[in-house]
PDB file of all heavy atoms in Angstrom:
ATOM      1  N   VAL A   1      47.860  54.114 -20.129  1.00  0.00           N
ATOM      2  CA  VAL A   1      48.761  54.183 -18.981  1.00  0.00           C
ATOM      3  C   VAL A   1      49.959  55.036 -19.374  1.00  0.00           C
ATOM      4  O   VAL A   1      50.625  54.750 -20.375  1.00  0.00           O
ATOM      5  CB  VAL A   1      49.231  52.781 -18.535  1.00  0.00           C
ATOM      6  CG1 VAL A   1      50.201  52.884 -17.367  1.00  0.00           C
ATOM      7  CG2 VAL A   1      48.042  51.895 -18.170  1.00  0.00           C
ATOM      8  N   ASP A   2      50.216  56.092 -18.601  1.00  0.00           N
ATOM      9  CA  ASP A   2      51.371  56.963 -18.815  1.00  0.00           C
ATOM     10  C   ASP A   2      51.487  57.455 -20.252  1.00  0.00           C
ATOM     11  O   ASP A   2      52.567  57.453 -20.844  1.00  0.00           O
ATOM     12  CB  ASP A   2      52.668  56.255 -18.400  1.00  0.00           C
ATOM     13  CG  ASP A   2      52.725  55.985 -16.898  1.00  0.00           C
ATOM     14  OD1 ASP A   2      52.116  56.758 -16.135  1.00  0.00           O
ATOM     15  OD2 ASP A   2      53.376  55.004 -16.507  1.00  0.00           O
ATOM     16  N   GLY A   3      50.382  57.864 -20.833  1.00  0.00           N
ATOM     17  CA  GLY A   3      50.394  58.439 -22.171  1.00  0.00           C
ATOM     18  C   GLY A   3      50.465  57.443 -23.310  1.00  0.00           C
ATOM     19  O   GLY A   3      50.535  57.823 -24.475  1.00  0.00           O
ATOM     20  N   VAL A   4      50.419  56.150 -22.991  1.00  0.00           N
ATOM     21  CA  VAL A   4      50.458  55.113 -24.017  1.00  0.00           C
ATOM     22  C   VAL A   4      49.116  54.387 -24.040  1.00  0.00           C
ATOM     23  O   VAL A   4      48.675  53.837 -23.029  1.00  0.00           O
ATOM     24  CB  VAL A   4      51.593  54.097 -23.767  1.00  0.00           C
ATOM     25  CG1 VAL A   4      51.572  52.999 -24.821  1.00  0.00           C
ATOM     26  CG2 VAL A   4      52.941  54.798 -23.733  1.00  0.00           C
ATOM     27  N   VAL A   5      48.478  54.392 -25.197  1.00  0.00           N
ATOM     28  CA  VAL A   5      47.235  53.652 -25.397  1.00  0.00           C
ATOM     29  C   VAL A   5      47.591  52.274 -25.921  1.00  0.00           C
ATOM     30  O   VAL A   5      48.343  52.149 -26.896  1.00  0.00           O
ATOM     31  CB  VAL A   5      46.304  54.359 -26.409  1.00  0.00           C
ATOM     32  CG1 VAL A   5      45.138  53.459 -26.790  1.00  0.00           C
ATOM     33  CG2 VAL A   5      45.790  55.671 -25.863  1.00  0.00           C
ATOM     34  N   ASP A   6      47.076  51.246 -25.271  1.00  0.00           N
ATOM     35  CA  ASP A   6      47.164  49.886 -25.791  1.00  0.00           C
ATOM     36  C   ASP A   6      45.785  49.513 -26.314  1.00  0.00           C
ATOM     37  O   ASP A   6      44.800  49.596 -25.569  1.00  0.00           O
ATOM     38  CB  ASP A   6      47.572  48.894 -24.697  1.00  0.00           C
ATOM     39  CG  ASP A   6      49.048  48.938 -24.395  1.00  0.00           C
ATOM     40  OD1 ASP A   6      49.847  48.881 -25.350  1.00  0.00           O
ATOM     41  OD2 ASP A   6      49.406  49.030 -23.208  1.00  0.00           O
ATOM     42  N   ILE A   7      45.736  49.134 -27.586  1.00  0.00           N
ATOM     43  CA  ILE A   7      44.484  48.645 -28.156  1.00  0.00           C
ATOM     44  C   ILE A   7      44.320  47.209 -27.664  1.00  0.00           C
ATOM     45  O   ILE A   7      45.102  46.332 -28.003  1.00  0.00           O
ATOM     46  CB  ILE A   7      44.513  48.667 -29.699  1.00  0.00           C
ATOM     47  CG1 ILE A   7      44.827  50.072 -30.228  1.00  0.00           C
ATOM     48  CG2 ILE A   7      43.209  48.102 -30.269  1.00  0.00           C
ATOM     49  CD1 ILE A   7      43.773  51.102 -30.010  1.00  0.00           C
ATOM     50  N   MET A   8      43.317  46.987 -26.859  1.00  0.00           N
ATOM     51  CA  MET A   8      43.072  45.659 -26.300  1.00  0.00           C
ATOM     52  C   MET A   8      42.207  44.828 -27.252  1.00  0.00           C
ATOM     53  O   MET A   8      42.495  43.666 -27.495  1.00  0.00           O
ATOM     54  CB  MET A   8      42.392  45.769 -24.939  1.00  0.00           C
ATOM     55  CG  MET A   8      43.126  46.673 -23.942  1.00  0.00           C
ATOM     56  SD  MET A   8      44.841  46.237 -23.667  1.00  0.00           S
ATOM     57  CE  MET A   8      44.626  44.745 -22.725  1.00  0.00           C
ATOM     58  N   ASN A   9      41.142  45.436 -27.767  1.00  0.00           N
ATOM     59  CA  ASN A   9      40.233  44.760 -28.697  1.00  0.00           C
ATOM     60  C   ASN A   9      39.603  45.786 -29.629  1.00  0.00           C
ATOM     61  O   ASN A   9      39.240  46.882 -29.183  1.00  0.00           O
ATOM     62  CB  ASN A   9      39.093  44.059 -27.944  1.00  0.00           C
ATOM     63  CG  ASN A   9      39.542  42.833 -27.208  1.00  0.00           C
ATOM     64  OD1 ASN A   9      39.998  41.873 -27.810  1.00  0.00           O
ATOM     65  ND2 ASN A   9      39.423  42.868 -25.889  1.00  0.00           N
ATOM     66  N   LEU A  10      39.465  45.416 -30.867  1.00  0.00           N
ATOM     67  CA  LEU A  10      38.690  46.173 -31.854  1.00  0.00           C
ATOM     68  C   LEU A  10      37.871  45.143 -32.600  1.00  0.00           C
ATOM     69  O   LEU A  10      38.428  44.220 -33.209  1.00  0.00           O
ATOM     70  CB  LEU A  10      39.611  46.931 -32.812  1.00  0.00           C
ATOM     71  CG  LEU A  10      38.917  47.665 -33.963  1.00  0.00           C
ATOM     72  CD1 LEU A  10      37.906  48.696 -33.457  1.00  0.00           C
ATOM     73  CD2 LEU A  10      39.951  48.321 -34.865  1.00  0.00           C
ATOM     74  N   TYR A  11      36.559  45.265 -32.498  1.00  0.00           N
ATOM     75  CA  TYR A  11      35.693  44.264 -33.098  1.00  0.00           C
ATOM     76  C   TYR A  11      34.489  44.940 -33.746  1.00  0.00           C
ATOM     77  O   TYR A  11      33.895  45.859 -33.176  1.00  0.00           O
ATOM     78  CB  TYR A  11      35.197  43.266 -32.040  1.00  0.00           C
ATOM     79  CG  TYR A  11      34.278  42.230 -32.621  1.00  0.00           C
ATOM     80  CD1 TYR A  11      34.787  41.149 -33.318  1.00  0.00           C
ATOM     81  CD2 TYR A  11      32.905  42.356 -32.513  1.00  0.00           C
ATOM     82  CE1 TYR A  11      33.945  40.199 -33.890  1.00  0.00           C
ATOM     83  CE2 TYR A  11      32.052  41.415 -33.074  1.00  0.00           C
ATOM     84  CZ  TYR A  11      32.577  40.345 -33.764  1.00  0.00           C
ATOM     85  OH  TYR A  11      31.747  39.421 -34.337  1.00  0.00           O
ATOM     86  N   VAL A  12      34.142  44.446 -34.938  1.00  0.00           N
ATOM     87  CA  VAL A  12      32.925  44.863 -35.635  1.00  0.00           C
ATOM     88  C   VAL A  12      32.185  43.586 -36.025  1.00  0.00           C
ATOM     89  O   VAL A  12      32.800  42.633 -36.533  1.00  0.00           O
ATOM     90  CB  VAL A  12      33.240  45.705 -36.887  1.00  0.00           C
ATOM     91  CG1 VAL A  12      31.967  46.039 -37.654  1.00  0.00           C
ATOM     92  CG2 VAL A  12      33.972  46.989 -36.499  1.00  0.00           C
ATOM     93  N   ASN A  13      30.873  43.554 -35.765  1.00  0.00           N
ATOM     94  CA  ASN A  13      30.056  42.402 -36.138  1.00  0.00           C
ATOM     95  C   ASN A  13      30.302  42.054 -37.605  1.00  0.00           C
ATOM     96  O   ASN A  13      30.407  42.949 -38.445  1.00  0.00           O
ATOM     97  CB  ASN A  13      28.565  42.687 -35.943  1.00  0.00           C
ATOM     98  CG  ASN A  13      28.191  42.919 -34.498  1.00  0.00           C
ATOM     99  OD1 ASN A  13      28.890  42.486 -33.583  1.00  0.00           O
ATOM    100  ND2 ASN A  13      27.094  43.616 -34.278  1.00  0.00           N
ATOM    101  N   VAL A  14      30.378  40.778 -37.898  1.00  0.00           N
ATOM    102  CA  VAL A  14      30.701  40.312 -39.245  1.00  0.00           C
ATOM    103  C   VAL A  14      29.781  40.951 -40.290  1.00  0.00           C
ATOM    104  O   VAL A  14      30.242  41.429 -41.332  1.00  0.00           O
ATOM    105  CB  VAL A  14      30.630  38.764 -39.318  1.00  0.00           C
ATOM    106  CG1 VAL A  14      30.813  38.281 -40.739  1.00  0.00           C
ATOM    107  CG2 VAL A  14      31.660  38.140 -38.397  1.00  0.00           C
ATOM    108  N   GLU A  15      28.492  41.005 -40.011  1.00  0.00           N
ATOM    109  CA  GLU A  15      27.535  41.533 -40.990  1.00  0.00           C
ATOM    110  C   GLU A  15      27.621  43.058 -41.153  1.00  0.00           C
ATOM    111  O   GLU A  15      27.019  43.616 -42.066  1.00  0.00           O
ATOM    112  CB  GLU A  15      26.098  41.119 -40.647  1.00  0.00           C
ATOM    113  CG  GLU A  15      25.595  41.600 -39.298  1.00  0.00           C
ATOM    114  CD  GLU A  15      25.936  40.662 -38.143  1.00  0.00           C
ATOM    115  OE1 GLU A  15      26.690  39.692 -38.305  1.00  0.00           O
ATOM    116  OE2 GLU A  15      25.418  40.926 -37.043  1.00  0.00           O
ATOM    117  N   ASN A  16      28.373  43.732 -40.302  1.00  0.00           N
ATOM    118  CA  ASN A  16      28.508  45.191 -40.372  1.00  0.00           C
ATOM    119  C   ASN A  16      29.896  45.639 -40.802  1.00  0.00           C
ATOM    120  O   ASN A  16      30.201  46.831 -40.753  1.00  0.00           O
ATOM    121  CB  ASN A  16      28.165  45.816 -39.020  1.00  0.00           C
ATOM    122  CG  ASN A  16      26.756  45.505 -38.595  1.00  0.00           C
ATOM    123  OD1 ASN A  16      26.542  44.717 -37.675  1.00  0.00           O
ATOM    124  ND2 ASN A  16      25.789  46.061 -39.269  1.00  0.00           N
ATOM    125  N   ARG A  17      30.734  44.722 -41.229  1.00  0.00           N
ATOM    126  CA  ARG A  17      32.091  45.082 -41.645  1.00  0.00           C
ATOM    127  C   ARG A  17      32.076  45.772 -43.010  1.00  0.00           C
ATOM    128  O   ARG A  17      31.098  45.704 -43.741  1.00  0.00           O
ATOM    129  CB  ARG A  17      32.980  43.841 -41.675  1.00  0.00           C
ATOM    130  CG  ARG A  17      33.187  43.317 -40.252  1.00  0.00           C
ATOM    131  CD  ARG A  17      34.113  42.155 -40.181  1.00  0.00           C
ATOM    132  NE  ARG A  17      34.181  41.715 -38.775  1.00  0.00           N
ATOM    133  CZ  ARG A  17      34.698  40.594 -38.388  1.00  0.00           C
ATOM    134  NH1 ARG A  17      35.246  39.772 -39.257  1.00  0.00           N
ATOM    135  NH2 ARG A  17      34.708  40.278 -37.110  1.00  0.00           N
ATOM    136  N   LYS A  18      33.168  46.442 -43.305  1.00  0.00           N
ATOM    137  CA  LYS A  18      33.363  47.171 -44.567  1.00  0.00           C
ATOM    138  C   LYS A  18      32.379  48.335 -44.705  1.00  0.00           C
ATOM    139  O   LYS A  18      31.975  48.692 -45.803  1.00  0.00           O
ATOM    140  CB  LYS A  18      33.305  46.234 -45.766  1.00  0.00           C
ATOM    141  CG  LYS A  18      34.409  45.201 -45.721  1.00  0.00           C
ATOM    142  CD  LYS A  18      34.537  44.447 -46.999  1.00  0.00           C
ATOM    143  CE  LYS A  18      35.678  43.455 -46.842  1.00  0.00           C
ATOM    144  NZ  LYS A  18      36.162  42.943 -48.070  1.00  0.00           N
ATOM    145  N   GLN A  19      31.989  48.915 -43.563  1.00  0.00           N
ATOM    146  CA  GLN A  19      31.126  50.091 -43.542  1.00  0.00           C
ATOM    147  C   GLN A  19      31.818  51.272 -42.878  1.00  0.00           C
ATOM    148  O   GLN A  19      31.189  52.291 -42.605  1.00  0.00           O
ATOM    149  CB  GLN A  19      29.816  49.780 -42.810  1.00  0.00           C
ATOM    150  CG  GLN A  19      28.983  48.702 -43.457  1.00  0.00           C
ATOM    151  CD  GLN A  19      27.753  48.358 -42.627  1.00  0.00           C
ATOM    152  OE1 GLN A  19      27.289  49.115 -41.786  1.00  0.00           O
ATOM    153  NE2 GLN A  19      27.205  47.177 -42.882  1.00  0.00           N
ATOM    154  N   GLY A  20      33.102  51.123 -42.554  1.00  0.00           N
ATOM    155  CA  GLY A  20      33.862  52.200 -41.934  1.00  0.00           C
ATOM    156  C   GLY A  20      33.716  52.298 -40.425  1.00  0.00           C
ATOM    157  O   GLY A  20      34.189  53.259 -39.817  1.00  0.00           O
ATOM    158  N   ILE A  21      33.095  51.323 -39.801  1.00  0.00           N
ATOM    159  CA  ILE A  21      32.853  51.376 -38.362  1.00  0.00           C
ATOM    160  C   ILE A  21      34.164  51.326 -37.577  1.00  0.00           C
ATOM    161  O   ILE A  21      34.372  52.118 -36.651  1.00  0.00           O
ATOM    162  CB  ILE A  21      31.886  50.255 -37.928  1.00  0.00           C
ATOM    163  CG1 ILE A  21      30.496  50.518 -38.525  1.00  0.00           C
ATOM    164  CG2 ILE A  21      31.821  50.132 -36.411  1.00  0.00           C
ATOM    165  CD1 ILE A  21      29.505  49.385 -38.354  1.00  0.00           C
ATOM    166  N   ALA A  22      35.070  50.425 -37.933  1.00  0.00           N
ATOM    167  CA  ALA A  22      36.355  50.332 -37.227  1.00  0.00           C
ATOM    168  C   ALA A  22      37.134  51.633 -37.362  1.00  0.00           C
ATOM    169  O   ALA A  22      37.713  52.125 -36.392  1.00  0.00           O
ATOM    170  CB  ALA A  22      37.166  49.155 -37.758  1.00  0.00           C
ATOM    171  N   THR A  23      37.126  52.216 -38.547  1.00  0.00           N
ATOM    172  CA  THR A  23      37.805  53.500 -38.764  1.00  0.00           C
ATOM    173  C   THR A  23      37.195  54.583 -37.893  1.00  0.00           C
ATOM    174  O   THR A  23      37.918  55.352 -37.252  1.00  0.00           O
ATOM    175  CB  THR A  23      37.738  53.905 -40.252  1.00  0.00           C
ATOM    176  OG1 THR A  23      38.383  52.893 -41.029  1.00  0.00           O
ATOM    177  CG2 THR A  23      38.406  55.244 -40.490  1.00  0.00           C
ATOM    178  N   LYS A  24      35.881  54.642 -37.826  1.00  0.00           N
ATOM    179  CA  LYS A  24      35.206  55.653 -37.010  1.00  0.00           C
ATOM    180  C   LYS A  24      35.525  55.486 -35.532  1.00  0.00           C
ATOM    181  O   LYS A  24      35.749  56.470 -34.819  1.00  0.00           O
ATOM    182  CB  LYS A  24      33.698  55.604 -37.245  1.00  0.00           C
ATOM    183  CG  LYS A  24      33.295  56.122 -38.604  1.00  0.00           C
ATOM    184  CD  LYS A  24      31.817  55.953 -38.850  1.00  0.00           C
ATOM    185  CE  LYS A  24      31.480  56.349 -40.283  1.00  0.00           C
ATOM    186  NZ  LYS A  24      30.101  56.032 -40.638  1.00  0.00           N
ATOM    187  N   LEU A  25      35.561  54.255 -35.061  1.00  0.00           N
ATOM    188  CA  LEU A  25      35.908  54.007 -33.658  1.00  0.00           C
ATOM    189  C   LEU A  25      37.329  54.472 -33.365  1.00  0.00           C
ATOM    190  O   LEU A  25      37.588  55.145 -32.364  1.00  0.00           O
ATOM    191  CB  LEU A  25      35.771  52.517 -33.327  1.00  0.00           C
ATOM    192  CG  LEU A  25      34.349  52.004 -33.145  1.00  0.00           C
ATOM    193  CD1 LEU A  25      34.311  50.476 -33.213  1.00  0.00           C
ATOM    194  CD2 LEU A  25      33.768  52.492 -31.816  1.00  0.00           C
ATOM    195  N   MET A  26      38.263  54.131 -34.241  1.00  0.00           N
ATOM    196  CA  MET A  26      39.656  54.530 -34.044  1.00  0.00           C
ATOM    197  C   MET A  26      39.806  56.050 -34.112  1.00  0.00           C
ATOM    198  O   MET A  26      40.492  56.647 -33.280  1.00  0.00           O
ATOM    199  CB  MET A  26      40.553  53.856 -35.079  1.00  0.00           C
ATOM    200  CG  MET A  26      40.636  52.345 -34.934  1.00  0.00           C
ATOM    201  SD  MET A  26      41.532  51.808 -33.470  1.00  0.00           S
ATOM    202  CE  MET A  26      43.209  52.167 -33.972  1.00  0.00           C
ATOM    203  N   GLU A  27      39.182  56.681 -35.087  1.00  0.00           N
ATOM    204  CA  GLU A  27      39.285  58.137 -35.216  1.00  0.00           C
ATOM    205  C   GLU A  27      38.676  58.847 -34.013  1.00  0.00           C
ATOM    206  O   GLU A  27      39.195  59.865 -33.563  1.00  0.00           O
ATOM    207  CB  GLU A  27      38.645  58.598 -36.523  1.00  0.00           C
ATOM    208  CG  GLU A  27      39.481  58.202 -37.733  1.00  0.00           C
ATOM    209  CD  GLU A  27      38.829  58.517 -39.060  1.00  0.00           C
ATOM    210  OE1 GLU A  27      37.587  58.768 -39.100  1.00  0.00           O
ATOM    211  OE2 GLU A  27      39.558  58.500 -40.075  1.00  0.00           O
ATOM    212  N   TYR A  28      37.585  58.319 -33.488  1.00  0.00           N
ATOM    213  CA  TYR A  28      36.978  58.900 -32.286  1.00  0.00           C
ATOM    214  C   TYR A  28      37.968  58.833 -31.123  1.00  0.00           C
ATOM    215  O   TYR A  28      38.140  59.790 -30.384  1.00  0.00           O
ATOM    216  CB  TYR A  28      35.679  58.165 -31.943  1.00  0.00           C
ATOM    217  CG  TYR A  28      34.961  58.787 -30.775  1.00  0.00           C
ATOM    218  CD1 TYR A  28      34.103  59.865 -30.968  1.00  0.00           C
ATOM    219  CD2 TYR A  28      35.145  58.316 -29.478  1.00  0.00           C
ATOM    220  CE1 TYR A  28      33.447  60.464 -29.893  1.00  0.00           C
ATOM    221  CE2 TYR A  28      34.502  58.906 -28.403  1.00  0.00           C
ATOM    222  CZ  TYR A  28      33.646  59.977 -28.615  1.00  0.00           C
ATOM    223  OH  TYR A  28      33.020  60.562 -27.545  1.00  0.00           O
ATOM    224  N   MET A  29      38.636  57.684 -30.988  1.00  0.00           N
ATOM    225  CA  MET A  29      39.627  57.530 -29.925  1.00  0.00           C
ATOM    226  C   MET A  29      40.786  58.499 -30.128  1.00  0.00           C
ATOM    227  O   MET A  29      41.242  59.132 -29.177  1.00  0.00           O
ATOM    228  CB  MET A  29      40.129  56.080 -29.894  1.00  0.00           C
ATOM    229  CG  MET A  29      41.062  55.775 -28.742  1.00  0.00           C
ATOM    230  SD  MET A  29      42.813  55.886 -29.152  1.00  0.00           S
ATOM    231  CE  MET A  29      42.947  54.766 -30.513  1.00  0.00           C
ATOM    232  N   PHE A  30      41.270  58.658 -31.368  1.00  0.00           N
ATOM    233  CA  PHE A  30      42.361  59.604 -31.645  1.00  0.00           C
ATOM    234  C   PHE A  30      42.005  61.002 -31.148  1.00  0.00           C
ATOM    235  O   PHE A  30      42.832  61.711 -30.592  1.00  0.00           O
ATOM    236  CB  PHE A  30      42.665  59.711 -33.142  1.00  0.00           C
ATOM    237  CG  PHE A  30      43.200  58.470 -33.797  1.00  0.00           C
ATOM    238  CD1 PHE A  30      43.037  58.285 -35.157  1.00  0.00           C
ATOM    239  CD2 PHE A  30      43.863  57.488 -33.073  1.00  0.00           C
ATOM    240  CE1 PHE A  30      43.543  57.159 -35.790  1.00  0.00           C
ATOM    241  CE2 PHE A  30      44.368  56.346 -33.697  1.00  0.00           C
ATOM    242  CZ  PHE A  30      44.198  56.188 -35.064  1.00  0.00           C
ATOM    243  N   GLU A  31      40.761  61.401 -31.363  1.00  0.00           N
ATOM    244  CA  GLU A  31      40.309  62.750 -31.029  1.00  0.00           C
ATOM    245  C   GLU A  31      40.010  62.943 -29.544  1.00  0.00           C
ATOM    246  O   GLU A  31      40.044  64.073 -29.057  1.00  0.00           O
ATOM    247  CB  GLU A  31      39.053  63.093 -31.840  1.00  0.00           C
ATOM    248  CG  GLU A  31      39.300  63.174 -33.324  1.00  0.00           C
ATOM    249  CD  GLU A  31      38.018  63.286 -34.131  1.00  0.00           C
ATOM    250  OE1 GLU A  31      36.931  63.463 -33.536  1.00  0.00           O
ATOM    251  OE2 GLU A  31      38.097  63.179 -35.370  1.00  0.00           O
ATOM    252  N   ASN A  32      39.711  61.863 -28.832  1.00  0.00           N
ATOM    253  CA  ASN A  32      39.207  62.000 -27.464  1.00  0.00           C
ATOM    254  C   ASN A  32      40.118  61.489 -26.368  1.00  0.00           C
ATOM    255  O   ASN A  32      39.791  61.634 -25.194  1.00  0.00           O
ATOM    256  CB  ASN A  32      37.837  61.323 -27.356  1.00  0.00           C
ATOM    257  CG  ASN A  32      36.795  62.098 -28.114  1.00  0.00           C
ATOM    258  OD1 ASN A  32      36.314  63.115 -27.644  1.00  0.00           O
ATOM    259  ND2 ASN A  32      36.477  61.654 -29.324  1.00  0.00           N
ATOM    260  N   GLU A  33      41.231  60.910 -26.712  1.00  0.00           N
ATOM    261  CA  GLU A  33      42.179  60.421 -25.705  1.00  0.00           C
ATOM    262  C   GLU A  33      43.441  61.266 -25.753  1.00  0.00           C
ATOM    263  O   GLU A  33      43.863  61.695 -26.823  1.00  0.00           O
ATOM    264  CB  GLU A  33      42.534  58.948 -25.940  1.00  0.00           C
ATOM    265  CG  GLU A  33      41.388  57.988 -25.705  1.00  0.00           C
ATOM    266  CD  GLU A  33      40.940  57.898 -24.254  1.00  0.00           C
ATOM    267  OE1 GLU A  33      41.707  58.253 -23.330  1.00  0.00           O
ATOM    268  OE2 GLU A  33      39.797  57.453 -24.042  1.00  0.00           O
ATOM    269  N   ARG A  34      44.036  61.487 -24.603  1.00  0.00           N
ATOM    270  CA  ARG A  34      45.321  62.186 -24.509  1.00  0.00           C
ATOM    271  C   ARG A  34      46.416  61.139 -24.455  1.00  0.00           C
ATOM    272  O   ARG A  34      46.553  60.451 -23.448  1.00  0.00           O
ATOM    273  CB  ARG A  34      45.357  63.071 -23.276  1.00  0.00           C
ATOM    274  CG  ARG A  34      44.358  64.197 -23.369  1.00  0.00           C
ATOM    275  CD  ARG A  34      44.387  65.013 -22.115  1.00  0.00           C
ATOM    276  NE  ARG A  34      43.322  65.997 -22.191  1.00  0.00           N
ATOM    277  CZ  ARG A  34      43.426  67.215 -21.757  1.00  0.00           C
ATOM    278  NH1 ARG A  34      44.525  67.625 -21.175  1.00  0.00           N
ATOM    279  NH2 ARG A  34      42.420  68.048 -21.874  1.00  0.00           N
ATOM    280  N   TYR A  35      47.151  61.042 -25.534  1.00  0.00           N
ATOM    281  CA  TYR A  35      48.171  60.005 -25.627  1.00  0.00           C
ATOM    282  C   TYR A  35      49.405  60.530 -26.346  1.00  0.00           C
ATOM    283  O   TYR A  35      49.341  61.515 -27.075  1.00  0.00           O
ATOM    284  CB  TYR A  35      47.629  58.781 -26.379  1.00  0.00           C
ATOM    285  CG  TYR A  35      47.287  59.065 -27.826  1.00  0.00           C
ATOM    286  CD1 TYR A  35      48.243  58.896 -28.829  1.00  0.00           C
ATOM    287  CD2 TYR A  35      46.024  59.507 -28.202  1.00  0.00           C
ATOM    288  CE1 TYR A  35      47.942  59.168 -30.146  1.00  0.00           C
ATOM    289  CE2 TYR A  35      45.718  59.779 -29.518  1.00  0.00           C
ATOM    290  CZ  TYR A  35      46.680  59.609 -30.492  1.00  0.00           C
ATOM    291  OH  TYR A  35      46.387  59.886 -31.800  1.00  0.00           O
TER     292      TYR A  35
END
């Protein structure tokens, strides 16, 4: 909203954590959102 991104939820399945998934999701958002 108005150039401000609010992170509402970031979740990775317990068995898939520590594989860089959260980082990849965040980096994808950095590259694809205008904020």
